[in-house]
């Protein structure tokens, strides 16, 4: 049991021990899907109205949001309810359809709200895809990462834990010359570091 993030090819799935998957298909309601197919399907997508309504739905109901909706929902004052929803339900996020160049959005906002399936365009090796790759290397590349305790516990009094990060540069090679110069040695090289945190 526990909560975590699972890597499946192009998507991620955070599993929670709180999920229950026993359900009945209501054949009286037309879903536009054959009842035989619906009984074989584990999760059913539902439209989002508000978090109070969503939390009351069965745990096999899930939401799918585009990146613009993810940004919008995370800025709202009730975004804590989204984290609460993601403790027992699934949320899938995906890049905007306007990304015709197959670029990616940062998965950090979705992950920090407890989203389990964060779809990315794997054909573009950009910064968000490198963040995703680094995230799934945390546990030896096994494809499963536990959620932080701030996303799995209902304790409202959890305080952020500060950490100290030390970086030691072991080697540098092929360092460029100062801008515009063709001769001479490299002077004053520096290391650029990007740090991403949930």
N, C-alpha and C. Protein backbone atom coordinates (compact mmCIF):
# COMPACT_ATOMS: atom_id res chain seq x y z
N UNK A 1 0.83 -1.19 0.00
CA UNK A 1 0.00 0.00 0.00
C UNK A 1 0.87 1.24 0.00
N UNK A 2 0.31 2.33 -0.37
CA UNK A 2 1.05 3.58 -0.36
C UNK A 2 0.70 4.39 -1.59
N UNK A 3 1.34 5.52 -1.70
CA UNK A 3 1.08 6.42 -2.81
C UNK A 3 2.35 6.58 -3.60
N UNK A 4 2.22 6.65 -4.89
CA UNK A 4 3.42 6.83 -5.69
C UNK A 4 3.11 7.19 -7.11
N UNK A 5 4.15 7.42 -7.86
CA UNK A 5 4.06 7.81 -9.25
C UNK A 5 4.64 6.69 -10.08
N UNK A 6 3.92 6.22 -11.08
CA UNK A 6 4.36 5.11 -11.91
C UNK A 6 4.59 5.62 -13.32
N UNK A 7 5.66 5.17 -13.94
CA UNK A 7 5.99 5.61 -15.29
C UNK A 7 5.56 4.55 -16.30
N UNK A 8 4.65 4.91 -17.19
CA UNK A 8 4.22 4.04 -18.27
C UNK A 8 4.48 4.76 -19.58
N UNK A 9 5.56 4.48 -20.23
CA UNK A 9 5.89 5.03 -21.54
C UNK A 9 5.66 6.54 -21.56
N UNK A 10 4.53 7.01 -22.07
CA UNK A 10 4.31 8.44 -22.23
C UNK A 10 3.45 9.07 -21.14
N UNK A 11 3.07 8.29 -20.12
CA UNK A 11 2.24 8.87 -19.07
C UNK A 11 2.76 8.45 -17.71
N UNK A 12 2.22 9.04 -16.66
CA UNK A 12 2.62 8.74 -15.29
C UNK A 12 1.37 8.48 -14.49
N UNK A 13 1.48 7.58 -13.57
CA UNK A 13 0.32 7.19 -12.78
C UNK A 13 0.71 7.16 -11.33
N UNK A 14 0.08 7.96 -10.50
CA UNK A 14 0.33 7.92 -9.07
C UNK A 14 -0.74 7.01 -8.48
N UNK A 15 -0.32 5.95 -7.84
CA UNK A 15 -1.27 4.99 -7.27
C UNK A 15 -1.45 5.25 -5.79
N UNK A 16 -2.63 5.02 -5.30
CA UNK A 16 -2.91 5.22 -3.89
C UNK A 16 -3.57 3.98 -3.33
N UNK A 17 -3.19 3.59 -2.13
CA UNK A 17 -3.80 2.45 -1.47
C UNK A 17 -5.26 2.70 -1.14
N UNK A 18 -5.74 3.92 -1.30
CA UNK A 18 -7.12 4.26 -0.97
C UNK A 18 -8.10 3.92 -2.09
N UNK A 19 -7.61 3.49 -3.26
CA UNK A 19 -8.49 3.21 -4.38
C UNK A 19 -9.27 1.92 -4.17
N UNK A 20 -10.55 1.95 -4.55
CA UNK A 20 -11.37 0.74 -4.59
C UNK A 20 -11.94 0.67 -6.00
N UNK A 21 -11.95 -0.53 -6.56
CA UNK A 21 -12.34 -0.64 -7.95
C UNK A 21 -13.59 -1.49 -8.17
N UNK A 22 -14.39 -1.72 -7.15
CA UNK A 22 -15.63 -2.46 -7.37
C UNK A 22 -16.71 -1.46 -7.75
N UNK A 23 -17.40 -1.75 -8.85
CA UNK A 23 -18.43 -0.84 -9.30
C UNK A 23 -19.43 -1.58 -10.18
N UNK A 24 -20.59 -0.94 -10.39
CA UNK A 24 -21.60 -1.47 -11.29
C UNK A 24 -21.82 -0.45 -12.39
N UNK A 25 -22.07 -0.93 -13.58
CA UNK A 25 -22.36 -0.03 -14.69
C UNK A 25 -23.85 0.23 -14.73
N UNK A 26 -24.21 1.51 -14.71
CA UNK A 26 -25.61 1.90 -14.77
C UNK A 26 -26.05 1.87 -16.23
N UNK A 27 -26.77 0.84 -16.62
CA UNK A 27 -27.19 0.70 -18.01
C UNK A 27 -28.35 1.62 -18.35
N UNK A 28 -28.99 2.20 -17.34
CA UNK A 28 -30.12 3.10 -17.59
C UNK A 28 -29.64 4.45 -18.12
N UNK A 29 -28.38 4.80 -17.82
CA UNK A 29 -27.83 6.08 -18.26
C UNK A 29 -27.03 5.83 -19.53
N UNK A 30 -27.28 6.62 -20.55
CA UNK A 30 -26.55 6.46 -21.81
C UNK A 30 -25.24 7.23 -21.74
N UNK A 31 -24.11 6.51 -21.85
CA UNK A 31 -22.78 7.13 -21.84
C UNK A 31 -22.21 7.22 -23.24
N UNK A 32 -22.93 6.71 -24.24
CA UNK A 32 -22.39 6.67 -25.59
C UNK A 32 -21.38 5.55 -25.76
N UNK A 33 -21.31 4.64 -24.78
CA UNK A 33 -20.39 3.50 -24.81
C UNK A 33 -21.21 2.25 -24.56
N UNK A 34 -20.90 1.21 -25.30
CA UNK A 34 -21.60 -0.06 -25.10
C UNK A 34 -21.39 -0.53 -23.66
N UNK A 35 -22.45 -0.99 -22.97
CA UNK A 35 -22.31 -1.45 -21.58
C UNK A 35 -21.27 -2.55 -21.42
N UNK A 36 -21.14 -3.42 -22.43
CA UNK A 36 -20.14 -4.50 -22.36
C UNK A 36 -18.73 -3.92 -22.31
N UNK A 37 -18.50 -2.86 -23.09
CA UNK A 37 -17.18 -2.21 -23.08
C UNK A 37 -16.97 -1.46 -21.77
N UNK A 38 -18.01 -0.82 -21.28
CA UNK A 38 -17.90 -0.05 -20.04
C UNK A 38 -17.54 -0.94 -18.85
N UNK A 39 -18.05 -2.18 -18.84
CA UNK A 39 -17.73 -3.08 -17.72
C UNK A 39 -16.28 -3.53 -17.75
N UNK A 40 -15.62 -3.46 -18.91
CA UNK A 40 -14.21 -3.83 -19.00
C UNK A 40 -13.28 -2.66 -18.71
N UNK A 41 -13.82 -1.46 -18.65
CA UNK A 41 -13.02 -0.26 -18.45
C UNK A 41 -12.90 0.03 -16.97
N UNK A 42 -11.70 0.36 -16.53
CA UNK A 42 -11.48 0.60 -15.11
C UNK A 42 -11.84 2.02 -14.70
N UNK A 43 -11.43 3.02 -15.45
CA UNK A 43 -11.70 4.41 -15.09
C UNK A 43 -12.64 5.05 -16.08
N UNK A 44 -13.50 5.91 -15.58
CA UNK A 44 -14.45 6.61 -16.41
C UNK A 44 -14.21 8.11 -16.28
N UNK A 45 -14.00 8.78 -17.40
CA UNK A 45 -13.81 10.22 -17.39
C UNK A 45 -15.10 10.94 -17.09
N UNK A 46 -15.02 11.95 -16.26
CA UNK A 46 -16.20 12.74 -15.92
C UNK A 46 -15.89 14.22 -16.08
N UNK A 47 -16.91 15.01 -16.35
CA UNK A 47 -16.73 16.46 -16.49
C UNK A 47 -16.55 17.09 -15.12
N UNK A 48 -15.71 18.11 -15.07
CA UNK A 48 -15.45 18.81 -13.81
C UNK A 48 -16.47 19.94 -13.63
N UNK A 49 -17.09 19.97 -12.45
CA UNK A 49 -17.97 21.07 -12.08
C UNK A 49 -17.36 21.85 -10.92
N UNK A 50 -17.10 21.13 -9.83
CA UNK A 50 -16.42 21.70 -8.68
C UNK A 50 -15.84 20.55 -7.86
N UNK A 51 -14.94 20.87 -6.94
CA UNK A 51 -14.24 19.80 -6.20
C UNK A 51 -15.17 19.08 -5.22
N UNK A 52 -16.12 19.78 -4.64
CA UNK A 52 -17.03 19.12 -3.70
C UNK A 52 -17.82 18.01 -4.40
N UNK A 53 -18.30 18.29 -5.60
CA UNK A 53 -19.03 17.28 -6.37
C UNK A 53 -18.11 16.15 -6.80
N UNK A 54 -16.91 16.50 -7.25
CA UNK A 54 -15.96 15.50 -7.75
C UNK A 54 -15.53 14.53 -6.67
N UNK A 55 -15.27 15.02 -5.47
CA UNK A 55 -14.81 14.16 -4.37
C UNK A 55 -15.88 13.14 -3.98
N UNK A 56 -17.15 13.50 -4.16
CA UNK A 56 -18.25 12.60 -3.81
C UNK A 56 -18.46 11.49 -4.84
N UNK A 57 -17.90 11.62 -6.02
CA UNK A 57 -18.07 10.60 -7.07
C UNK A 57 -17.28 9.35 -6.71
N UNK A 58 -17.64 8.20 -7.29
CA UNK A 58 -16.89 6.97 -7.02
C UNK A 58 -15.42 7.12 -7.42
N UNK A 59 -14.56 6.37 -6.78
CA UNK A 59 -13.12 6.52 -7.00
C UNK A 59 -12.66 6.12 -8.39
N UNK A 60 -13.47 5.39 -9.14
CA UNK A 60 -13.07 5.03 -10.50
C UNK A 60 -13.42 6.12 -11.51
N UNK A 61 -14.01 7.22 -11.06
CA UNK A 61 -14.25 8.38 -11.92
C UNK A 61 -13.00 9.25 -11.90
N UNK A 62 -12.61 9.78 -13.05
CA UNK A 62 -11.41 10.60 -13.12
C UNK A 62 -11.66 11.83 -13.99
N UNK A 63 -10.77 12.82 -13.84
CA UNK A 63 -10.83 14.03 -14.65
C UNK A 63 -9.62 14.08 -15.58
N UNK A 64 -9.80 14.70 -16.74
CA UNK A 64 -8.72 14.97 -17.68
C UNK A 64 -8.70 16.48 -17.92
N UNK A 65 -7.53 17.08 -17.75
CA UNK A 65 -7.39 18.53 -17.90
C UNK A 65 -6.25 18.86 -18.85
N UNK A 66 -6.46 19.88 -19.68
CA UNK A 66 -5.37 20.38 -20.52
C UNK A 66 -4.47 21.25 -19.64
N UNK A 67 -3.29 21.56 -20.17
CA UNK A 67 -2.32 22.33 -19.38
C UNK A 67 -2.85 23.69 -18.95
N UNK A 68 -3.68 24.35 -19.77
CA UNK A 68 -4.22 25.66 -19.38
C UNK A 68 -5.18 25.53 -18.21
N UNK A 69 -5.95 24.45 -18.17
CA UNK A 69 -6.85 24.21 -17.04
C UNK A 69 -6.04 23.88 -15.79
N UNK A 70 -4.94 23.15 -15.94
CA UNK A 70 -4.06 22.83 -14.81
C UNK A 70 -3.54 24.12 -14.19
N UNK A 71 -3.05 25.03 -15.03
CA UNK A 71 -2.54 26.32 -14.52
C UNK A 71 -3.65 27.09 -13.81
N UNK A 72 -4.82 27.15 -14.42
CA UNK A 72 -5.94 27.89 -13.85
C UNK A 72 -6.38 27.30 -12.51
N UNK A 73 -6.54 25.99 -12.45
CA UNK A 73 -6.99 25.34 -11.21
C UNK A 73 -5.96 25.48 -10.09
N UNK A 74 -4.69 25.46 -10.44
CA UNK A 74 -3.65 25.54 -9.40
C UNK A 74 -3.54 26.94 -8.81
N UNK A 75 -4.03 27.95 -9.52
CA UNK A 75 -3.97 29.33 -9.01
C UNK A 75 -5.17 29.68 -8.14
N UNK A 76 -6.21 28.84 -8.17
CA UNK A 76 -7.41 29.14 -7.40
C UNK A 76 -7.17 28.93 -5.91
N UNK A 77 -7.96 29.63 -5.10
CA UNK A 77 -7.79 29.56 -3.65
C UNK A 77 -8.15 28.19 -3.09
N UNK A 78 -8.96 27.42 -3.81
CA UNK A 78 -9.35 26.10 -3.32
C UNK A 78 -8.51 24.99 -3.96
N UNK A 79 -7.29 25.29 -4.38
CA UNK A 79 -6.45 24.27 -5.01
C UNK A 79 -6.11 23.14 -4.04
N UNK A 80 -6.21 23.41 -2.75
CA UNK A 80 -5.98 22.34 -1.76
C UNK A 80 -7.01 21.22 -1.92
N UNK A 81 -8.21 21.56 -2.38
CA UNK A 81 -9.24 20.54 -2.61
C UNK A 81 -8.83 19.61 -3.77
N UNK A 82 -8.09 20.13 -4.74
CA UNK A 82 -7.61 19.30 -5.85
C UNK A 82 -6.64 18.24 -5.32
N UNK A 83 -5.78 18.63 -4.40
CA UNK A 83 -4.86 17.67 -3.77
C UNK A 83 -5.65 16.63 -3.01
N UNK A 84 -6.68 17.07 -2.30
CA UNK A 84 -7.56 16.15 -1.56
C UNK A 84 -8.24 15.17 -2.53
N UNK A 85 -8.73 15.68 -3.64
CA UNK A 85 -9.37 14.84 -4.66
C UNK A 85 -8.37 13.78 -5.17
N UNK A 86 -7.14 14.19 -5.41
CA UNK A 86 -6.13 13.29 -5.97
C UNK A 86 -5.63 12.24 -4.97
N UNK A 87 -6.04 12.32 -3.73
CA UNK A 87 -5.70 11.27 -2.77
C UNK A 87 -6.51 10.00 -3.03
N UNK A 88 -7.71 10.16 -3.60
CA UNK A 88 -8.58 9.00 -3.80
C UNK A 88 -9.01 8.81 -5.25
N UNK A 89 -8.82 9.81 -6.09
CA UNK A 89 -9.24 9.76 -7.49
C UNK A 89 -8.04 10.05 -8.39
N UNK A 90 -8.22 9.80 -9.68
CA UNK A 90 -7.16 10.07 -10.64
C UNK A 90 -7.43 11.34 -11.43
N UNK A 91 -6.33 12.03 -11.77
CA UNK A 91 -6.39 13.17 -12.67
C UNK A 91 -5.33 12.96 -13.76
N UNK A 92 -5.76 13.14 -14.99
CA UNK A 92 -4.86 13.04 -16.14
C UNK A 92 -4.69 14.44 -16.70
N UNK A 93 -3.46 14.82 -17.01
CA UNK A 93 -3.21 16.12 -17.65
C UNK A 93 -2.50 15.88 -18.98
N UNK A 94 -2.66 16.81 -19.89
CA UNK A 94 -2.07 16.64 -21.22
C UNK A 94 -1.71 18.00 -21.81
N UNK A 95 -0.77 18.01 -22.77
CA UNK A 95 -0.36 19.27 -23.40
C UNK A 95 -1.51 19.89 -24.20
N UNK A 96 -1.43 21.19 -24.37
CA UNK A 96 -2.43 21.91 -25.15
C UNK A 96 -2.39 21.46 -26.60
N UNK A 97 -3.54 21.43 -27.25
CA UNK A 97 -3.62 21.09 -28.66
C UNK A 97 -2.98 22.15 -29.55
N UNK A 98 -2.71 23.32 -28.96
CA UNK A 98 -2.06 24.40 -29.72
C UNK A 98 -0.56 24.19 -29.87
N UNK A 99 -0.02 23.19 -29.22
CA UNK A 99 1.43 22.91 -29.31
C UNK A 99 1.70 22.09 -30.57
N UNK A 100 1.57 22.75 -31.71
CA UNK A 100 1.77 22.06 -32.99
C UNK A 100 3.23 21.67 -33.21
N UNK A 101 4.14 22.29 -32.45
CA UNK A 101 5.56 21.93 -32.56
C UNK A 101 5.92 20.78 -31.61
N UNK A 102 4.93 20.19 -30.96
CA UNK A 102 5.11 19.08 -30.02
C UNK A 102 5.99 19.45 -28.83
N UNK A 103 6.01 20.72 -28.47
CA UNK A 103 6.74 21.13 -27.27
C UNK A 103 5.95 20.69 -26.05
N UNK A 104 6.51 20.89 -24.87
CA UNK A 104 5.89 20.42 -23.63
C UNK A 104 5.66 21.54 -22.64
N UNK A 105 4.76 21.31 -21.73
CA UNK A 105 4.53 22.17 -20.58
C UNK A 105 5.27 21.56 -19.40
N UNK A 106 5.51 22.35 -18.38
CA UNK A 106 6.21 21.82 -17.20
C UNK A 106 5.29 20.89 -16.42
N UNK A 107 5.73 19.66 -16.16
CA UNK A 107 4.89 18.74 -15.38
C UNK A 107 4.86 19.06 -13.89
N UNK A 108 5.69 20.00 -13.44
CA UNK A 108 5.82 20.29 -12.02
C UNK A 108 4.51 20.75 -11.38
N UNK A 109 3.75 21.60 -12.07
CA UNK A 109 2.50 22.11 -11.49
C UNK A 109 1.51 20.97 -11.27
N UNK A 110 1.40 20.08 -12.26
CA UNK A 110 0.49 18.94 -12.13
C UNK A 110 0.96 18.00 -11.02
N UNK A 111 2.25 17.69 -10.99
CA UNK A 111 2.77 16.80 -9.95
C UNK A 111 2.57 17.40 -8.56
N UNK A 112 2.79 18.72 -8.42
CA UNK A 112 2.67 19.34 -7.10
C UNK A 112 1.23 19.40 -6.60
N UNK A 113 0.27 19.18 -7.49
CA UNK A 113 -1.14 19.09 -7.09
C UNK A 113 -1.59 17.64 -6.97
N UNK A 114 -0.66 16.70 -7.09
CA UNK A 114 -0.97 15.29 -6.89
C UNK A 114 -1.50 14.57 -8.12
N UNK A 115 -1.42 15.18 -9.30
CA UNK A 115 -1.90 14.52 -10.52
C UNK A 115 -1.09 13.26 -10.79
N UNK A 116 -1.77 12.22 -11.23
CA UNK A 116 -1.13 10.93 -11.40
C UNK A 116 -0.68 10.65 -12.82
N UNK A 117 -1.43 11.08 -13.80
CA UNK A 117 -1.06 10.83 -15.20
C UNK A 117 -0.76 12.16 -15.86
N UNK A 118 0.52 12.43 -16.07
CA UNK A 118 0.97 13.68 -16.67
C UNK A 118 1.56 13.34 -18.03
N UNK A 119 0.76 13.54 -19.07
CA UNK A 119 1.18 13.18 -20.43
C UNK A 119 2.09 14.26 -21.01
N UNK A 120 3.14 13.83 -21.67
CA UNK A 120 4.08 14.74 -22.34
C UNK A 120 4.32 14.25 -23.76
N UNK A 121 4.80 15.16 -24.61
CA UNK A 121 5.20 14.80 -25.97
C UNK A 121 6.63 14.26 -25.92
N UNK A 122 6.79 12.97 -26.07
CA UNK A 122 8.11 12.36 -25.94
C UNK A 122 8.99 12.56 -27.16
N UNK A 123 8.42 13.06 -28.27
CA UNK A 123 9.23 13.24 -29.46
C UNK A 123 10.08 14.51 -29.42
N UNK A 124 9.88 15.35 -28.41
CA UNK A 124 10.63 16.60 -28.30
C UNK A 124 11.50 16.58 -27.05
N UNK A 125 12.82 16.51 -27.20
CA UNK A 125 13.71 16.46 -26.03
C UNK A 125 13.96 17.84 -25.43
N UNK A 126 12.93 18.44 -24.84
CA UNK A 126 13.04 19.78 -24.27
C UNK A 126 13.19 19.70 -22.75
N UNK A 127 13.25 20.85 -22.12
CA UNK A 127 13.47 20.93 -20.67
C UNK A 127 12.41 20.16 -19.86
N UNK A 128 11.10 20.32 -20.14
CA UNK A 128 10.11 19.55 -19.37
C UNK A 128 10.31 18.04 -19.49
N UNK A 129 10.73 17.56 -20.64
CA UNK A 129 10.96 16.12 -20.79
C UNK A 129 12.19 15.69 -19.99
N UNK A 130 13.20 16.56 -19.89
CA UNK A 130 14.37 16.25 -19.06
C UNK A 130 14.00 16.25 -17.58
N UNK A 131 13.09 17.15 -17.19
CA UNK A 131 12.59 17.15 -15.80
C UNK A 131 11.90 15.82 -15.52
N UNK A 132 11.08 15.38 -16.45
CA UNK A 132 10.38 14.11 -16.32
C UNK A 132 11.38 12.95 -16.21
N UNK A 133 12.38 12.96 -17.06
CA UNK A 133 13.40 11.91 -17.04
C UNK A 133 14.13 11.89 -15.70
N UNK A 134 14.51 13.07 -15.22
CA UNK A 134 15.19 13.16 -13.93
C UNK A 134 14.31 12.71 -12.78
N UNK A 135 13.05 13.04 -12.86
CA UNK A 135 12.10 12.64 -11.80
C UNK A 135 12.02 11.12 -11.68
N UNK A 136 12.00 10.44 -12.80
CA UNK A 136 11.85 8.99 -12.77
C UNK A 136 13.17 8.26 -12.60
N UNK A 137 14.26 8.99 -12.52
CA UNK A 137 15.54 8.37 -12.17
C UNK A 137 15.73 8.34 -10.65
N UNK A 138 14.89 9.06 -9.93
CA UNK A 138 14.99 9.14 -8.47
C UNK A 138 14.99 7.79 -7.79
N UNK A 139 14.23 6.86 -8.34
CA UNK A 139 14.10 5.56 -7.71
C UNK A 139 14.76 4.49 -8.57
N UNK A 140 15.91 4.81 -9.11
CA UNK A 140 16.67 3.85 -9.90
C UNK A 140 16.05 3.53 -11.24
N UNK A 141 15.16 4.37 -11.72
CA UNK A 141 14.54 4.15 -13.02
C UNK A 141 13.52 3.02 -13.04
N UNK A 142 13.03 2.61 -11.86
CA UNK A 142 12.08 1.49 -11.81
C UNK A 142 10.69 1.89 -12.27
N UNK A 143 10.42 3.19 -12.42
CA UNK A 143 9.12 3.63 -12.91
C UNK A 143 8.11 3.93 -11.83
N UNK A 144 8.52 3.90 -10.56
CA UNK A 144 7.58 4.17 -9.47
C UNK A 144 8.22 5.15 -8.50
N UNK A 145 7.51 6.21 -8.16
CA UNK A 145 8.02 7.21 -7.23
C UNK A 145 6.92 7.53 -6.22
N UNK A 146 7.27 7.52 -4.96
CA UNK A 146 6.28 7.86 -3.93
C UNK A 146 5.96 9.34 -3.98
N UNK A 147 4.71 9.65 -3.70
CA UNK A 147 4.32 11.05 -3.55
C UNK A 147 4.94 11.59 -2.27
N UNK A 148 5.24 12.88 -2.22
CA UNK A 148 5.69 13.46 -0.95
C UNK A 148 4.56 13.41 0.09
N UNK A 149 4.92 13.39 1.35
CA UNK A 149 3.91 13.26 2.41
C UNK A 149 2.93 14.43 2.42
N UNK A 150 3.32 15.58 1.89
CA UNK A 150 2.39 16.72 1.83
C UNK A 150 1.21 16.44 0.91
N UNK A 151 1.35 15.46 -0.01
CA UNK A 151 0.26 15.12 -0.92
C UNK A 151 -0.52 13.89 -0.48
N UNK A 152 -0.02 13.18 0.53
CA UNK A 152 -0.68 11.94 0.94
C UNK A 152 -1.34 12.02 2.30
N UNK A 153 -0.99 13.00 3.09
CA UNK A 153 -1.56 13.10 4.43
C UNK A 153 -2.56 14.24 4.49
N UNK A 154 -3.50 14.14 5.40
CA UNK A 154 -4.49 15.20 5.59
C UNK A 154 -4.05 16.22 6.62
N UNK A 155 -2.86 16.05 7.15
CA UNK A 155 -2.35 16.95 8.17
C UNK A 155 -2.11 18.33 7.56
N UNK A 156 -2.91 19.30 7.97
CA UNK A 156 -2.80 20.65 7.43
C UNK A 156 -1.61 21.41 8.03
N UNK A 157 -0.98 20.84 9.06
CA UNK A 157 0.08 21.57 9.75
C UNK A 157 1.48 21.12 9.34
N UNK A 158 1.58 20.39 8.23
CA UNK A 158 2.89 19.98 7.76
C UNK A 158 3.66 21.22 7.31
N UNK A 159 4.85 21.35 7.83
CA UNK A 159 5.68 22.49 7.45
C UNK A 159 6.72 22.03 6.43
N UNK A 160 7.04 22.88 5.47
CA UNK A 160 8.08 22.51 4.52
C UNK A 160 9.40 22.27 5.23
N UNK A 161 10.13 21.30 4.76
CA UNK A 161 11.42 20.97 5.34
C UNK A 161 12.50 21.59 4.46
N UNK A 162 13.36 22.37 5.09
CA UNK A 162 14.45 22.97 4.30
C UNK A 162 15.56 21.94 4.11
N UNK A 163 16.23 22.06 3.00
CA UNK A 163 17.31 21.14 2.67
C UNK A 163 18.50 21.93 2.18
N UNK A 164 19.65 21.35 2.36
CA UNK A 164 20.88 21.98 1.86
C UNK A 164 21.37 21.12 0.70
N UNK A 165 21.65 21.77 -0.42
CA UNK A 165 22.11 21.08 -1.61
C UNK A 165 23.52 21.53 -1.91
N UNK A 166 24.42 20.57 -2.04
CA UNK A 166 25.81 20.88 -2.38
C UNK A 166 26.12 20.30 -3.75
N UNK A 167 26.71 21.11 -4.60
CA UNK A 167 27.09 20.68 -5.94
C UNK A 167 28.61 20.78 -6.05
N UNK A 168 29.24 19.73 -6.51
CA UNK A 168 30.68 19.73 -6.71
C UNK A 168 30.94 19.43 -8.19
N UNK A 169 31.53 20.40 -8.88
CA UNK A 169 31.85 20.21 -10.29
C UNK A 169 33.14 19.40 -10.36
N UNK A 170 33.07 18.25 -11.00
CA UNK A 170 34.22 17.35 -11.08
C UNK A 170 35.08 17.60 -12.31
N UNK A 171 34.50 18.09 -13.37
CA UNK A 171 35.25 18.22 -14.60
C UNK A 171 34.58 19.22 -15.52
N UNK A 172 35.36 19.80 -16.39
CA UNK A 172 34.85 20.66 -17.44
C UNK A 172 35.75 20.50 -18.65
N UNK A 173 35.14 20.44 -19.81
CA UNK A 173 35.95 20.31 -21.03
C UNK A 173 35.29 21.06 -22.16
N UNK A 174 36.09 21.40 -23.16
CA UNK A 174 35.60 22.13 -24.34
C UNK A 174 34.90 23.42 -23.93
N UNK A 175 35.45 24.11 -22.96
CA UNK A 175 34.84 25.36 -22.50
C UNK A 175 35.05 26.43 -23.56
N UNK A 176 34.04 27.21 -23.85
CA UNK A 176 34.17 28.23 -24.91
C UNK A 176 35.05 29.39 -24.47
N UNK A 177 35.62 30.04 -25.44
CA UNK A 177 36.44 31.23 -25.19
C UNK A 177 35.49 32.39 -24.87
N UNK A 178 36.02 33.44 -24.27
CA UNK A 178 35.15 34.61 -24.01
C UNK A 178 34.51 35.08 -25.30
N UNK A 179 33.34 35.65 -25.18
CA UNK A 179 32.53 36.02 -26.35
C UNK A 179 33.32 36.84 -27.35
N UNK A 180 33.32 36.39 -28.61
CA UNK A 180 33.96 37.12 -29.69
C UNK A 180 35.45 36.88 -29.84
N UNK A 181 36.10 36.17 -28.93
CA UNK A 181 37.55 35.96 -29.02
C UNK A 181 37.84 34.59 -29.63
N UNK A 182 38.91 34.55 -30.45
CA UNK A 182 39.31 33.29 -31.06
C UNK A 182 40.57 32.74 -30.42
N UNK A 183 41.33 33.57 -29.73
CA UNK A 183 42.57 33.13 -29.11
C UNK A 183 42.51 33.35 -27.61
N UNK A 184 43.42 32.71 -26.94
CA UNK A 184 43.52 32.89 -25.50
C UNK A 184 42.83 31.77 -24.75
N UNK A 185 42.97 31.83 -23.45
CA UNK A 185 42.39 30.81 -22.59
C UNK A 185 41.00 31.23 -22.12
N UNK A 186 40.27 30.26 -21.68
CA UNK A 186 38.96 30.56 -21.09
C UNK A 186 39.17 31.27 -19.77
N UNK A 187 38.45 32.31 -19.55
CA UNK A 187 38.56 32.99 -18.28
C UNK A 187 37.20 32.97 -17.60
N UNK A 188 37.26 32.72 -16.31
CA UNK A 188 36.07 32.84 -15.48
C UNK A 188 34.88 32.01 -15.97
N UNK A 189 35.06 30.70 -16.16
CA UNK A 189 33.90 29.89 -16.54
C UNK A 189 32.94 29.76 -15.36
N UNK A 190 31.70 29.47 -15.65
CA UNK A 190 30.70 29.31 -14.59
C UNK A 190 29.80 28.12 -14.93
N UNK A 191 29.11 27.64 -13.92
CA UNK A 191 28.18 26.54 -14.07
C UNK A 191 26.78 27.08 -13.87
N UNK A 192 25.89 26.76 -14.81
CA UNK A 192 24.49 27.18 -14.70
C UNK A 192 23.69 25.99 -14.20
N UNK A 193 22.92 26.18 -13.17
CA UNK A 193 22.16 25.11 -12.53
C UNK A 193 20.70 25.50 -12.44
N UNK A 194 19.81 24.59 -12.81
CA UNK A 194 18.37 24.81 -12.66
C UNK A 194 17.86 23.82 -11.63
N UNK A 195 17.09 24.29 -10.68
CA UNK A 195 16.55 23.44 -9.63
C UNK A 195 15.03 23.52 -9.67
N UNK A 196 14.37 22.37 -9.70
CA UNK A 196 12.92 22.31 -9.75
C UNK A 196 12.43 21.62 -8.49
N UNK A 197 11.42 22.18 -7.88
CA UNK A 197 10.91 21.64 -6.63
C UNK A 197 9.39 21.59 -6.70
N UNK A 198 8.83 20.59 -6.07
CA UNK A 198 7.38 20.50 -5.99
C UNK A 198 6.92 21.41 -4.89
